[in-house]
Amino acid sequence: MRLPIIGAQQESWLHWFASAGVESPDLSTHTRHNYVEQDLCANAALAGQGVAILNHIFFAEELASGRLIAPFNHRCSDEIGVWLVYPESRRNTPRIKAFREWITAAVAADIARTEPQTAW
């Protein structure tokens, strides 16, 4: 709680704390670096400027190499949607199609890996 907070709205941090079972801290006077984009937040964290809430799917290489560290084995969803947008006329261009297929598969694999398994 002594490190500066990078990006993400205060509500996102409070949601994360609540999902981890931690009483909501007062973040109103906490040092903040207000970036919106994940890449800017990650770069600030990599530069040692504080802690960030990041989507682990996009930073798997940095996490695997130890350049970024997830100090807790806790993930939560903030229920904020993410949209992939592009011109309808470019829907099936090779780059867009490849990215759409990759991101869809990555999210599906992550959901399957993190959902509780039920034994029948």
PDB file of N, CA and C in Angstrom:
ATOM      1  N   MET A   1       0.813  -1.197   0.000  1.00  0.00           N
ATOM      2  CA  MET A   1       0.000   0.000   0.000  1.00  0.00           C
ATOM      3  C   MET A   1       0.856   1.260   0.000  1.00  0.00           C
ATOM      4  N   ARG A   2       2.157   1.095   0.043  1.00  0.00           N
ATOM      5  CA  ARG A   2       3.024   2.276   0.015  1.00  0.00           C
ATOM      6  C   ARG A   2       3.476   2.625  -1.392  1.00  0.00           C
ATOM      7  N   LEU A   3       3.230   1.736  -2.352  1.00  0.00           N
ATOM      8  CA  LEU A   3       3.672   1.993  -3.724  1.00  0.00           C
ATOM      9  C   LEU A   3       2.667   2.855  -4.468  1.00  0.00           C
ATOM     10  N   PRO A   4       3.156   3.674  -5.399  1.00  0.00           N
ATOM     11  CA  PRO A   4       2.234   4.464  -6.218  1.00  0.00           C
ATOM     12  C   PRO A   4       1.346   3.546  -7.073  1.00  0.00           C
ATOM     13  N   ILE A   5       0.138   3.988  -7.324  1.00  0.00           N
ATOM     14  CA  ILE A   5      -0.815   3.257  -8.158  1.00  0.00           C
ATOM     15  C   ILE A   5      -0.695   3.771  -9.591  1.00  0.00           C
ATOM     16  N   ILE A   6      -0.592   2.833 -10.521  1.00  0.00           N
ATOM     17  CA  ILE A   6      -0.489   3.184 -11.936  1.00  0.00           C
ATOM     18  C   ILE A   6      -1.800   2.842 -12.615  1.00  0.00           C
ATOM     19  N   GLY A   7      -2.381   3.823 -13.293  1.00  0.00           N
ATOM     20  CA  GLY A   7      -3.568   3.597 -14.120  1.00  0.00           C
ATOM     21  C   GLY A   7      -4.759   3.070 -13.366  1.00  0.00           C
ATOM     22  N   ALA A   8      -5.710   2.593 -14.105  1.00  0.00           N
ATOM     23  CA  ALA A   8      -6.964   2.030 -13.607  1.00  0.00           C
ATOM     24  C   ALA A   8      -7.685   3.001 -12.674  1.00  0.00           C
ATOM     25  N   GLN A   9      -8.944   3.075 -12.854  1.00  0.00           N
ATOM     26  CA  GLN A   9      -9.767   3.932 -12.015  1.00  0.00           C
ATOM     27  C   GLN A   9      -9.779   3.395 -10.592  1.00  0.00           C
ATOM     28  N   GLN A  10     -10.020   4.269  -9.647  1.00  0.00           N
ATOM     29  CA  GLN A  10     -10.059   3.871  -8.242  1.00  0.00           C
ATOM     30  C   GLN A  10     -11.048   2.738  -8.030  1.00  0.00           C
ATOM     31  N   GLU A  11     -12.165   2.755  -8.755  1.00  0.00           N
ATOM     32  CA  GLU A  11     -13.169   1.707  -8.610  1.00  0.00           C
ATOM     33  C   GLU A  11     -12.601   0.332  -8.965  1.00  0.00           C
ATOM     34  N   SER A  12     -11.733   0.284  -9.969  1.00  0.00           N
ATOM     35  CA  SER A  12     -11.120  -0.991 -10.357  1.00  0.00           C
ATOM     36  C   SER A  12     -10.246  -1.539  -9.234  1.00  0.00           C
ATOM     37  N   TRP A  13      -9.492  -0.657  -8.587  1.00  0.00           N
ATOM     38  CA  TRP A  13      -8.666  -1.091  -7.466  1.00  0.00           C
ATOM     39  C   TRP A  13      -9.542  -1.568  -6.314  1.00  0.00           C
ATOM     40  N   LEU A  14     -10.578  -0.829  -5.991  1.00  0.00           N
ATOM     41  CA  LEU A  14     -11.465  -1.228  -4.898  1.00  0.00           C
ATOM     42  C   LEU A  14     -12.153  -2.555  -5.200  1.00  0.00           C
ATOM     43  N   HIS A  15     -12.524  -2.762  -6.474  1.00  0.00           N
ATOM     44  CA  HIS A  15     -13.132  -4.035  -6.878  1.00  0.00           C
ATOM     45  C   HIS A  15     -12.134  -5.172  -6.678  1.00  0.00           C
ATOM     46  N   TRP A  16     -10.869  -4.940  -7.069  1.00  0.00           N
ATOM     47  CA  TRP A  16      -9.855  -5.981  -6.909  1.00  0.00           C
ATOM     48  C   TRP A  16      -9.666  -6.320  -5.431  1.00  0.00           C
ATOM     49  N   PHE A  17      -9.536  -5.296  -4.589  1.00  0.00           N
ATOM     50  CA  PHE A  17      -9.370  -5.544  -3.153  1.00  0.00           C
ATOM     51  C   PHE A  17     -10.545  -6.335  -2.603  1.00  0.00           C
ATOM     52  N   ALA A  18     -11.760  -5.931  -2.965  1.00  0.00           N
ATOM     53  CA  ALA A  18     -12.957  -6.625  -2.467  1.00  0.00           C
ATOM     54  C   ALA A  18     -12.971  -8.076  -2.919  1.00  0.00           C
ATOM     55  N   SER A  19     -12.620  -8.336  -4.177  1.00  0.00           N
ATOM     56  CA  SER A  19     -12.626  -9.710  -4.686  1.00  0.00           C
ATOM     57  C   SER A  19     -11.561 -10.567  -4.010  1.00  0.00           C
ATOM     58  N   ALA A  20     -10.517  -9.920  -3.493  1.00  0.00           N
ATOM     59  CA  ALA A  20      -9.452 -10.634  -2.778  1.00  0.00           C
ATOM     60  C   ALA A  20      -9.756 -10.760  -1.289  1.00  0.00           C
ATOM     61  N   GLY A  21     -10.907 -10.213  -0.872  1.00  0.00           N
ATOM     62  CA  GLY A  21     -11.286 -10.297   0.531  1.00  0.00           C
ATOM     63  C   GLY A  21     -10.561  -9.314   1.427  1.00  0.00           C
ATOM     64  N   VAL A  22     -10.068  -8.222   0.830  1.00  0.00           N
ATOM     65  CA  VAL A  22      -9.349  -7.201   1.585  1.00  0.00           C
ATOM     66  C   VAL A  22     -10.279  -6.013   1.814  1.00  0.00           C
ATOM     67  N   GLU A  23     -10.325  -5.528   3.032  1.00  0.00           N
ATOM     68  CA  GLU A  23     -11.150  -4.363   3.343  1.00  0.00           C
ATOM     69  C   GLU A  23     -10.709  -3.189   2.469  1.00  0.00           C
ATOM     70  N   SER A  24     -11.658  -2.473   1.938  1.00  0.00           N
ATOM     71  CA  SER A  24     -11.367  -1.362   1.023  1.00  0.00           C
ATOM     72  C   SER A  24     -10.478  -0.305   1.678  1.00  0.00           C
ATOM     73  N   PRO A  25      -9.293  -0.093   1.124  1.00  0.00           N
ATOM     74  CA  PRO A  25      -8.420   0.949   1.671  1.00  0.00           C
ATOM     75  C   PRO A  25      -8.860   2.324   1.169  1.00  0.00           C
ATOM     76  N   ASP A  26      -8.432   3.352   1.857  1.00  0.00           N
ATOM     77  CA  ASP A  26      -8.690   4.714   1.413  1.00  0.00           C
ATOM     78  C   ASP A  26      -7.606   5.078   0.400  1.00  0.00           C
ATOM     79  N   LEU A  27      -7.979   5.197  -0.840  1.00  0.00           N
ATOM     80  CA  LEU A  27      -7.014   5.509  -1.895  1.00  0.00           C
ATOM     81  C   LEU A  27      -7.059   6.972  -2.314  1.00  0.00           C
ATOM     82  N   SER A  28      -7.860   7.773  -1.629  1.00  0.00           N
ATOM     83  CA  SER A  28      -8.078   9.157  -2.056  1.00  0.00           C
ATOM     84  C   SER A  28      -6.809  10.000  -2.042  1.00  0.00           C
ATOM     85  N   THR A  29      -5.873   9.709  -1.164  1.00  0.00           N
ATOM     86  CA  THR A  29      -4.645  10.500  -1.093  1.00  0.00           C
ATOM     87  C   THR A  29      -3.432   9.714  -1.576  1.00  0.00           C
ATOM     88  N   HIS A  30      -3.676   8.563  -2.153  1.00  0.00           N
ATOM     89  CA  HIS A  30      -2.596   7.698  -2.614  1.00  0.00           C
ATOM     90  C   HIS A  30      -1.937   8.296  -3.854  1.00  0.00           C
ATOM     91  N   THR A  31      -0.623   8.169  -3.958  1.00  0.00           N
ATOM     92  CA  THR A  31       0.100   8.632  -5.142  1.00  0.00           C
ATOM     93  C   THR A  31      -0.385   7.849  -6.356  1.00  0.00           C
ATOM     94  N   ARG A  32      -0.723   8.574  -7.434  1.00  0.00           N
ATOM     95  CA  ARG A  32      -1.271   7.937  -8.633  1.00  0.00           C
ATOM     96  C   ARG A  32      -0.553   8.432  -9.881  1.00  0.00           C
ATOM     97  N   HIS A  33      -0.418   7.526 -10.837  1.00  0.00           N
ATOM     98  CA  HIS A  33       0.019   7.865 -12.189  1.00  0.00           C
ATOM     99  C   HIS A  33      -1.156   7.488 -13.078  1.00  0.00           C
ATOM    100  N   ASN A  34      -1.829   8.464 -13.629  1.00  0.00           N
ATOM    101  CA  ASN A  34      -3.073   8.206 -14.351  1.00  0.00           C
ATOM    102  C   ASN A  34      -2.840   7.942 -15.835  1.00  0.00           C
ATOM    103  N   TYR A  35      -2.694   6.676 -16.159  1.00  0.00           N
ATOM    104  CA  TYR A  35      -2.636   6.230 -17.541  1.00  0.00           C
ATOM    105  C   TYR A  35      -3.863   5.365 -17.774  1.00  0.00           C
ATOM    106  N   VAL A  36      -4.361   5.371 -18.977  1.00  0.00           N
ATOM    107  CA  VAL A  36      -5.537   4.569 -19.288  1.00  0.00           C
ATOM    108  C   VAL A  36      -5.138   3.290 -20.020  1.00  0.00           C
ATOM    109  N   GLU A  37      -4.265   3.407 -20.995  1.00  0.00           N
ATOM    110  CA  GLU A  37      -3.897   2.275 -21.831  1.00  0.00           C
ATOM    111  C   GLU A  37      -3.009   1.295 -21.077  1.00  0.00           C
ATOM    112  N   GLN A  38      -3.279   0.010 -21.299  1.00  0.00           N
ATOM    113  CA  GLN A  38      -2.523  -1.051 -20.631  1.00  0.00           C
ATOM    114  C   GLN A  38      -1.027  -0.978 -20.941  1.00  0.00           C
ATOM    115  N   ASP A  39      -0.663  -0.658 -22.173  1.00  0.00           N
ATOM    116  CA  ASP A  39       0.757  -0.630 -22.500  1.00  0.00           C
ATOM    117  C   ASP A  39       1.475   0.480 -21.740  1.00  0.00           C
ATOM    118  N   LEU A  40       0.829   1.625 -21.547  1.00  0.00           N
ATOM    119  CA  LEU A  40       1.452   2.695 -20.774  1.00  0.00           C
ATOM    120  C   LEU A  40       1.574   2.306 -19.304  1.00  0.00           C
ATOM    121  N   CYS A  41       0.544   1.653 -18.780  1.00  0.00           N
ATOM    122  CA  CYS A  41       0.595   1.181 -17.389  1.00  0.00           C
ATOM    123  C   CYS A  41       1.716   0.169 -17.212  1.00  0.00           C
ATOM    124  N   ALA A  42       1.817  -0.769 -18.142  1.00  0.00           N
ATOM    125  CA  ALA A  42       2.858  -1.794 -18.053  1.00  0.00           C
ATOM    126  C   ALA A  42       4.245  -1.168 -18.155  1.00  0.00           C
ATOM    127  N   ASN A  43       4.429  -0.232 -19.071  1.00  0.00           N
ATOM    128  CA  ASN A  43       5.733   0.409 -19.208  1.00  0.00           C
ATOM    129  C   ASN A  43       6.105   1.175 -17.943  1.00  0.00           C
ATOM    130  N   ALA A  44       5.128   1.829 -17.324  1.00  0.00           N
ATOM    131  CA  ALA A  44       5.398   2.537 -16.075  1.00  0.00           C
ATOM    132  C   ALA A  44       5.786   1.545 -14.973  1.00  0.00           C
ATOM    133  N   ALA A  45       5.087   0.405 -14.896  1.00  0.00           N
ATOM    134  CA  ALA A  45       5.433  -0.617 -13.905  1.00  0.00           C
ATOM    135  C   ALA A  45       6.825  -1.183 -14.181  1.00  0.00           C
ATOM    136  N   LEU A  46       7.121  -1.433 -15.445  1.00  0.00           N
ATOM    137  CA  LEU A  46       8.447  -1.941 -15.812  1.00  0.00           C
ATOM    138  C   LEU A  46       9.548  -0.955 -15.432  1.00  0.00           C
ATOM    139  N   ALA A  47       9.216   0.341 -15.482  1.00  0.00           N
ATOM    140  CA  ALA A  47      10.190   1.378 -15.131  1.00  0.00           C
ATOM    141  C   ALA A  47      10.273   1.598 -13.624  1.00  0.00           C
ATOM    142  N   GLY A  48       9.504   0.804 -12.844  1.00  0.00           N
ATOM    143  CA  GLY A  48       9.570   0.900 -11.397  1.00  0.00           C
ATOM    144  C   GLY A  48       8.784   2.052 -10.805  1.00  0.00           C
ATOM    145  N   GLN A  49       7.787   2.556 -11.546  1.00  0.00           N
ATOM    146  CA  GLN A  49       7.026   3.708 -11.072  1.00  0.00           C
ATOM    147  C   GLN A  49       5.882   3.342 -10.138  1.00  0.00           C
ATOM    148  N   GLY A  50       5.605   2.060  -9.912  1.00  0.00           N
ATOM    149  CA  GLY A  50       4.532   1.672  -9.014  1.00  0.00           C
ATOM    150  C   GLY A  50       3.919   0.348  -9.402  1.00  0.00           C
ATOM    151  N   VAL A  51       2.662   0.146  -8.977  1.00  0.00           N
ATOM    152  CA  VAL A  51       1.936  -1.093  -9.246  1.00  0.00           C
ATOM    153  C   VAL A  51       0.759  -0.809 -10.168  1.00  0.00           C
ATOM    154  N   ALA A  52       0.413  -1.803 -10.988  1.00  0.00           N
ATOM    155  CA  ALA A  52      -0.650  -1.632 -11.972  1.00  0.00           C
ATOM    156  C   ALA A  52      -1.542  -2.864 -12.003  1.00  0.00           C
ATOM    157  N   ILE A  53      -2.778  -2.649 -12.376  1.00  0.00           N
ATOM    158  CA  ILE A  53      -3.688  -3.751 -12.666  1.00  0.00           C
ATOM    159  C   ILE A  53      -3.602  -3.965 -14.179  1.00  0.00           C
ATOM    160  N   LEU A  54      -3.122  -5.142 -14.568  1.00  0.00           N
ATOM    161  CA  LEU A  54      -2.925  -5.441 -15.986  1.00  0.00           C
ATOM    162  C   LEU A  54      -3.624  -6.739 -16.353  1.00  0.00           C
ATOM    163  N   ASN A  55      -3.930  -6.873 -17.628  1.00  0.00           N
ATOM    164  CA  ASN A  55      -4.473  -8.121 -18.136  1.00  0.00           C
ATOM    165  C   ASN A  55      -3.292  -9.046 -18.429  1.00  0.00           C
ATOM    166  N   HIS A  56      -3.186 -10.128 -17.675  1.00  0.00           N
ATOM    167  CA  HIS A  56      -2.040 -11.038 -17.775  1.00  0.00           C
ATOM    168  C   HIS A  56      -1.890 -11.656 -19.157  1.00  0.00           C
ATOM    169  N   ILE A  57      -2.958 -11.739 -19.922  1.00  0.00           N
ATOM    170  CA  ILE A  57      -2.875 -12.322 -21.263  1.00  0.00           C
ATOM    171  C   ILE A  57      -1.920 -11.515 -22.140  1.00  0.00           C
ATOM    172  N   PHE A  58      -1.968 -10.206 -22.017  1.00  0.00           N
ATOM    173  CA  PHE A  58      -1.166  -9.345 -22.877  1.00  0.00           C
ATOM    174  C   PHE A  58       0.279  -9.204 -22.415  1.00  0.00           C
ATOM    175  N   PHE A  59       0.574  -9.626 -21.201  1.00  0.00           N
ATOM    176  CA  PHE A  59       1.921  -9.452 -20.655  1.00  0.00           C
ATOM    177  C   PHE A  59       2.520 -10.768 -20.181  1.00  0.00           C
ATOM    178  N   ALA A  60       2.134 -11.860 -20.835  1.00  0.00           N
ATOM    179  CA  ALA A  60       2.608 -13.196 -20.460  1.00  0.00           C
ATOM    180  C   ALA A  60       4.134 -13.300 -20.551  1.00  0.00           C
ATOM    181  N   GLU A  61       4.724 -12.723 -21.571  1.00  0.00           N
ATOM    182  CA  GLU A  61       6.180 -12.805 -21.738  1.00  0.00           C
ATOM    183  C   GLU A  61       6.902 -12.060 -20.610  1.00  0.00           C
ATOM    184  N   GLU A  62       6.411 -10.880 -20.263  1.00  0.00           N
ATOM    185  CA  GLU A  62       7.024 -10.100 -19.194  1.00  0.00           C
ATOM    186  C   GLU A  62       6.875 -10.808 -17.843  1.00  0.00           C
ATOM    187  N   LEU A  63       5.731 -11.454 -17.631  1.00  0.00           N
ATOM    188  CA  LEU A  63       5.509 -12.202 -16.394  1.00  0.00           C
ATOM    189  C   LEU A  63       6.393 -13.449 -16.357  1.00  0.00           C
ATOM    190  N   ALA A  64       6.476 -14.158 -17.477  1.00  0.00           N
ATOM    191  CA  ALA A  64       7.285 -15.383 -17.536  1.00  0.00           C
ATOM    192  C   ALA A  64       8.768 -15.082 -17.322  1.00  0.00           C
ATOM    193  N   SER A  65       9.226 -13.951 -17.843  1.00  0.00           N
ATOM    194  CA  SER A  65      10.644 -13.603 -17.710  1.00  0.00           C
ATOM    195  C   SER A  65      10.975 -12.983 -16.356  1.00  0.00           C
ATOM    196  N   GLY A  66       9.949 -12.604 -15.597  1.00  0.00           N
ATOM    197  CA  GLY A  66      10.183 -11.963 -14.309  1.00  0.00           C
ATOM    198  C   GLY A  66      10.344 -10.459 -14.394  1.00  0.00           C
ATOM    199  N   ARG A  67      10.222  -9.904 -15.601  1.00  0.00           N
ATOM    200  CA  ARG A  67      10.308  -8.449 -15.736  1.00  0.00           C
ATOM    201  C   ARG A  67       9.134  -7.780 -15.039  1.00  0.00           C
ATOM    202  N   LEU A  68       7.969  -8.434 -15.078  1.00  0.00           N
ATOM    203  CA  LEU A  68       6.809  -8.025 -14.278  1.00  0.00           C
ATOM    204  C   LEU A  68       6.512  -9.161 -13.318  1.00  0.00           C
ATOM    205  N   ILE A  69       6.065  -8.834 -12.138  1.00  0.00           N
ATOM    206  CA  ILE A  69       5.762  -9.852 -11.132  1.00  0.00           C
ATOM    207  C   ILE A  69       4.336  -9.649 -10.639  1.00  0.00           C
ATOM    208  N   ALA A  70       3.572 -10.733 -10.657  1.00  0.00           N
ATOM    209  CA  ALA A  70       2.238 -10.722 -10.063  1.00  0.00           C
ATOM    210  C   ALA A  70       2.424 -11.162  -8.610  1.00  0.00           C
ATOM    211  N   PRO A  71       2.351 -10.240  -7.653  1.00  0.00           N
ATOM    212  CA  PRO A  71       2.654 -10.595  -6.273  1.00  0.00           C
ATOM    213  C   PRO A  71       1.613 -11.489  -5.616  1.00  0.00           C
ATOM    214  N   PHE A  72       0.437 -11.582  -6.235  1.00  0.00           N
ATOM    215  CA  PHE A  72      -0.631 -12.419  -5.688  1.00  0.00           C
ATOM    216  C   PHE A  72      -1.161 -13.310  -6.791  1.00  0.00           C
ATOM    217  N   ASN A  73      -1.519 -14.516  -6.457  1.00  0.00           N
ATOM    218  CA  ASN A  73      -2.118 -15.422  -7.419  1.00  0.00           C
ATOM    219  C   ASN A  73      -3.638 -15.231  -7.373  1.00  0.00           C
ATOM    220  N   HIS A  74      -4.063 -14.015  -7.674  1.00  0.00           N
ATOM    221  CA  HIS A  74      -5.483 -13.681  -7.618  1.00  0.00           C
ATOM    222  C   HIS A  74      -5.848 -12.886  -8.863  1.00  0.00           C
ATOM    223  N   ARG A  75      -6.893 -13.331  -9.516  1.00  0.00           N
ATOM    224  CA  ARG A  75      -7.401 -12.630 -10.696  1.00  0.00           C
ATOM    225  C   ARG A  75      -8.878 -12.377 -10.504  1.00  0.00           C
ATOM    226  N   CYS A  76      -9.334 -11.274 -11.058  1.00  0.00           N
ATOM    227  CA  CYS A  76     -10.767 -10.998 -11.007  1.00  0.00           C
ATOM    228  C   CYS A  76     -11.171 -10.266 -12.275  1.00  0.00           C
ATOM    229  N   SER A  77     -12.439 -10.293 -12.543  1.00  0.00           N
ATOM    230  CA  SER A  77     -12.983  -9.596 -13.702  1.00  0.00           C
ATOM    231  C   SER A  77     -13.697  -8.352 -13.221  1.00  0.00           C
ATOM    232  N   ASP A  78     -13.470  -7.258 -13.900  1.00  0.00           N
ATOM    233  CA  ASP A  78     -14.154  -6.028 -13.508  1.00  0.00           C
ATOM    234  C   ASP A  78     -15.443  -5.822 -14.299  1.00  0.00           C
ATOM    235  N   GLU A  79     -15.778  -6.812 -15.116  1.00  0.00           N
ATOM    236  CA  GLU A  79     -17.021  -6.774 -15.896  1.00  0.00           C
ATOM    237  C   GLU A  79     -17.045  -5.641 -16.917  1.00  0.00           C
ATOM    238  N   ILE A  80     -15.904  -5.047 -17.180  1.00  0.00           N
ATOM    239  CA  ILE A  80     -15.828  -4.015 -18.213  1.00  0.00           C
ATOM    240  C   ILE A  80     -15.537  -4.711 -19.530  1.00  0.00           C
ATOM    241  N   GLY A  81     -16.349  -4.445 -20.510  1.00  0.00           N
ATOM    242  CA  GLY A  81     -16.177  -5.091 -21.804  1.00  0.00           C
ATOM    243  C   GLY A  81     -15.005  -4.523 -22.581  1.00  0.00           C
ATOM    244  N   VAL A  82     -14.495  -5.331 -23.454  1.00  0.00           N
ATOM    245  CA  VAL A  82     -13.439  -4.931 -24.368  1.00  0.00           C
ATOM    246  C   VAL A  82     -13.936  -5.222 -25.770  1.00  0.00           C
ATOM    247  N   TRP A  83     -13.744  -4.294 -26.659  1.00  0.00           N
ATOM    248  CA  TRP A  83     -14.244  -4.456 -28.018  1.00  0.00           C
ATOM    249  C   TRP A  83     -13.094  -4.435 -29.008  1.00  0.00           C
ATOM    250  N   LEU A  84     -13.171  -5.311 -29.955  1.00  0.00           N
ATOM    251  CA  LEU A  84     -12.257  -5.305 -31.091  1.00  0.00           C
ATOM    252  C   LEU A  84     -13.033  -4.671 -32.236  1.00  0.00           C
ATOM    253  N   VAL A  85     -12.569  -3.562 -32.727  1.00  0.00           N
ATOM    254  CA  VAL A  85     -13.288  -2.846 -33.784  1.00  0.00           C
ATOM    255  C   VAL A  85     -12.403  -2.663 -35.004  1.00  0.00           C
ATOM    256  N   TYR A  86     -13.045  -2.720 -36.147  1.00  0.00           N
ATOM    257  CA  TYR A  86     -12.355  -2.538 -37.417  1.00  0.00           C
ATOM    258  C   TYR A  86     -13.422  -2.277 -38.467  1.00  0.00           C
ATOM    259  N   PRO A  87     -13.029  -1.722 -39.617  1.00  0.00           N
ATOM    260  CA  PRO A  87     -14.022  -1.485 -40.676  1.00  0.00           C
ATOM    261  C   PRO A  87     -14.584  -2.821 -41.182  1.00  0.00           C
ATOM    262  N   GLU A  88     -15.871  -2.863 -41.375  1.00  0.00           N
ATOM    263  CA  GLU A  88     -16.534  -4.089 -41.855  1.00  0.00           C
ATOM    264  C   GLU A  88     -15.845  -4.627 -43.117  1.00  0.00           C
ATOM    265  N   SER A  89     -15.423  -3.727 -43.989  1.00  0.00           N
ATOM    266  CA  SER A  89     -14.798  -4.143 -45.247  1.00  0.00           C
ATOM    267  C   SER A  89     -13.461  -4.853 -45.035  1.00  0.00           C
ATOM    268  N   ARG A  90     -12.862  -4.710 -43.874  1.00  0.00           N
ATOM    269  CA  ARG A  90     -11.561  -5.337 -43.596  1.00  0.00           C
ATOM    270  C   ARG A  90     -11.685  -6.540 -42.671  1.00  0.00           C
ATOM    271  N   ARG A  91     -12.899  -6.974 -42.402  1.00  0.00           N
ATOM    272  CA  ARG A  91     -13.167  -8.057 -41.448  1.00  0.00           C
ATOM    273  C   ARG A  91     -12.303  -9.294 -41.679  1.00  0.00           C
ATOM    274  N   ASN A  92     -12.108  -9.677 -42.908  1.00  0.00           N
ATOM    275  CA  ASN A  92     -11.378 -10.913 -43.198  1.00  0.00           C
ATOM    276  C   ASN A  92     -10.000 -10.696 -43.810  1.00  0.00           C
ATOM    277  N   THR A  93      -9.430  -9.515 -43.585  1.00  0.00           N
ATOM    278  CA  THR A  93      -8.055  -9.342 -44.033  1.00  0.00           C
ATOM    279  C   THR A  93      -7.185 -10.249 -43.166  1.00  0.00           C
ATOM    280  N   PRO A  94      -6.105 -10.779 -43.703  1.00  0.00           N
ATOM    281  CA  PRO A  94      -5.305 -11.755 -42.951  1.00  0.00           C
ATOM    282  C   PRO A  94      -4.873 -11.284 -41.562  1.00  0.00           C
ATOM    283  N   ARG A  95      -4.425 -10.042 -41.423  1.00  0.00           N
ATOM    284  CA  ARG A  95      -3.959  -9.560 -40.116  1.00  0.00           C
ATOM    285  C   ARG A  95      -5.096  -9.470 -39.101  1.00  0.00           C
ATOM    286  N   ILE A  96      -6.211  -8.908 -39.523  1.00  0.00           N
ATOM    287  CA  ILE A  96      -7.343  -8.767 -38.602  1.00  0.00           C
ATOM    288  C   ILE A  96      -7.904 -10.132 -38.241  1.00  0.00           C
ATOM    289  N   LYS A  97      -8.039 -10.989 -39.229  1.00  0.00           N
ATOM    290  CA  LYS A  97      -8.562 -12.332 -38.971  1.00  0.00           C
ATOM    291  C   LYS A  97      -7.632 -13.100 -38.019  1.00  0.00           C
ATOM    292  N   ALA A  98      -6.325 -13.022 -38.248  1.00  0.00           N
ATOM    293  CA  ALA A  98      -5.365 -13.722 -37.388  1.00  0.00           C
ATOM    294  C   ALA A  98      -5.421 -13.176 -35.959  1.00  0.00           C
ATOM    295  N   PHE A  99      -5.487 -11.857 -35.813  1.00  0.00           N
ATOM    296  CA  PHE A  99      -5.553 -11.278 -34.471  1.00  0.00           C
ATOM    297  C   PHE A  99      -6.856 -11.656 -33.785  1.00  0.00           C
ATOM    298  N   ARG A 100      -7.969 -11.581 -34.495  1.00  0.00           N
ATOM    299  CA  ARG A 100      -9.274 -11.933 -33.919  1.00  0.00           C
ATOM    300  C   ARG A 100      -9.273 -13.380 -33.447  1.00  0.00           C
ATOM    301  N   GLU A 101      -8.731 -14.289 -34.246  1.00  0.00           N
ATOM    302  CA  GLU A 101      -8.681 -15.698 -33.873  1.00  0.00           C
ATOM    303  C   GLU A 101      -7.754 -15.915 -32.679  1.00  0.00           C
ATOM    304  N   TRP A 102      -6.611 -15.207 -32.666  1.00  0.00           N
ATOM    305  CA  TRP A 102      -5.673 -15.346 -31.561  1.00  0.00           C
ATOM    306  C   TRP A 102      -6.286 -14.856 -30.257  1.00  0.00           C
ATOM    307  N   ILE A 103      -6.862 -13.659 -30.262  1.00  0.00           N
ATOM    308  CA  ILE A 103      -7.386 -13.103 -29.021  1.00  0.00           C
ATOM    309  C   ILE A 103      -8.576 -13.911 -28.519  1.00  0.00           C
ATOM    310  N   THR A 104      -9.417 -14.396 -29.418  1.00  0.00           N
ATOM    311  CA  THR A 104     -10.560 -15.221 -29.022  1.00  0.00           C
ATOM    312  C   THR A 104     -10.071 -16.520 -28.371  1.00  0.00           C
ATOM    313  N   ALA A 105      -9.076 -17.158 -28.969  1.00  0.00           N
ATOM    314  CA  ALA A 105      -8.529 -18.400 -28.410  1.00  0.00           C
ATOM    315  C   ALA A 105      -7.834 -18.145 -27.074  1.00  0.00           C
ATOM    316  N   ALA A 106      -7.099 -17.038 -26.961  1.00  0.00           N
ATOM    317  CA  ALA A 106      -6.392 -16.727 -25.716  1.00  0.00           C
ATOM    318  C   ALA A 106      -7.370 -16.486 -24.576  1.00  0.00           C
ATOM    319  N   VAL A 107      -8.430 -15.764 -24.846  1.00  0.00           N
ATOM    320  CA  VAL A 107      -9.427 -15.496 -23.803  1.00  0.00           C
ATOM    321  C   VAL A 107     -10.140 -16.788 -23.417  1.00  0.00           C
ATOM    322  N   ALA A 108     -10.518 -17.591 -24.405  1.00  0.00           N
ATOM    323  CA  ALA A 108     -11.203 -18.856 -24.115  1.00  0.00           C
ATOM    324  C   ALA A 108     -10.308 -19.778 -23.281  1.00  0.00           C
ATOM    325  N   ALA A 109      -9.028 -19.850 -23.621  1.00  0.00           N
ATOM    326  CA  ALA A 109      -8.095 -20.702 -22.867  1.00  0.00           C
ATOM    327  C   ALA A 109      -7.929 -20.184 -21.450  1.00  0.00           C
ATOM    328  N   ASP A 110      -7.866 -18.873 -21.287  1.00  0.00           N
ATOM    329  CA  ASP A 110      -7.708 -18.299 -19.957  1.00  0.00           C
ATOM    330  C   ASP A 110      -8.942 -18.551 -19.108  1.00  0.00           C
ATOM    331  N   ILE A 111     -10.107 -18.409 -19.692  1.00  0.00           N
ATOM    332  CA  ILE A 111     -11.347 -18.673 -18.959  1.00  0.00           C
ATOM    333  C   ILE A 111     -11.390 -20.142 -18.532  1.00  0.00           C
ATOM    334  N   ALA A 112     -11.048 -21.036 -19.451  1.00  0.00           N
ATOM    335  CA  ALA A 112     -11.064 -22.471 -19.132  1.00  0.00           C
ATOM    336  C   ALA A 112     -10.060 -22.800 -18.028  1.00  0.00           C
ATOM    337  N   ARG A 113      -8.921 -22.130 -18.029  1.00  0.00           N
ATOM    338  CA  ARG A 113      -7.877 -22.393 -17.048  1.00  0.00           C
ATOM    339  C   ARG A 113      -8.222 -21.837 -15.672  1.00  0.00           C
ATOM    340  N   THR A 114      -8.941 -20.720 -15.612  1.00  0.00           N
ATOM    341  CA  THR A 114      -9.183 -20.074 -14.323  1.00  0.00           C
ATOM    342  C   THR A 114     -10.539 -20.394 -13.713  1.00  0.00           C
ATOM    343  N   GLU A 115     -11.462 -20.969 -14.492  1.00  0.00           N
ATOM    344  CA  GLU A 115     -12.757 -21.326 -13.924  1.00  0.00           C
ATOM    345  C   GLU A 115     -12.617 -22.543 -13.017  1.00  0.00           C
ATOM    346  N   PRO A 116     -13.356 -22.560 -11.919  1.00  0.00           N
ATOM    347  CA  PRO A 116     -13.300 -23.733 -11.046  1.00  0.00           C
ATOM    348  C   PRO A 116     -13.768 -24.967 -11.797  1.00  0.00           C
ATOM    349  N   GLN A 117     -13.071 -26.059 -11.618  1.00  0.00           N
ATOM    350  CA  GLN A 117     -13.431 -27.300 -12.280  1.00  0.00           C
ATOM    351  C   GLN A 117     -14.422 -28.070 -11.411  1.00  0.00           C
ATOM    352  N   THR A 118     -15.455 -28.593 -12.030  1.00  0.00           N
ATOM    353  CA  THR A 118     -16.457 -29.349 -11.313  1.00  0.00           C
ATOM    354  C   THR A 118     -16.308 -30.824 -11.681  1.00  0.00           C
ATOM    355  N   ALA A 119     -16.201 -31.653 -10.693  1.00  0.00           N
ATOM    356  CA  ALA A 119     -16.123 -33.102 -10.941  1.00  0.00           C
ATOM    357  C   ALA A 119     -17.525 -33.684 -10.837  1.00  0.00           C
ATOM    358  N   TRP A 120     -17.892 -34.501 -11.786  1.00  0.00           N
ATOM    359  CA  TRP A 120     -19.230 -35.137 -11.782  1.00  0.00           C
ATOM    360  C   TRP A 120     -19.093 -36.578 -11.393  1.00  0.00           C
TER     361      TRP A 120
END
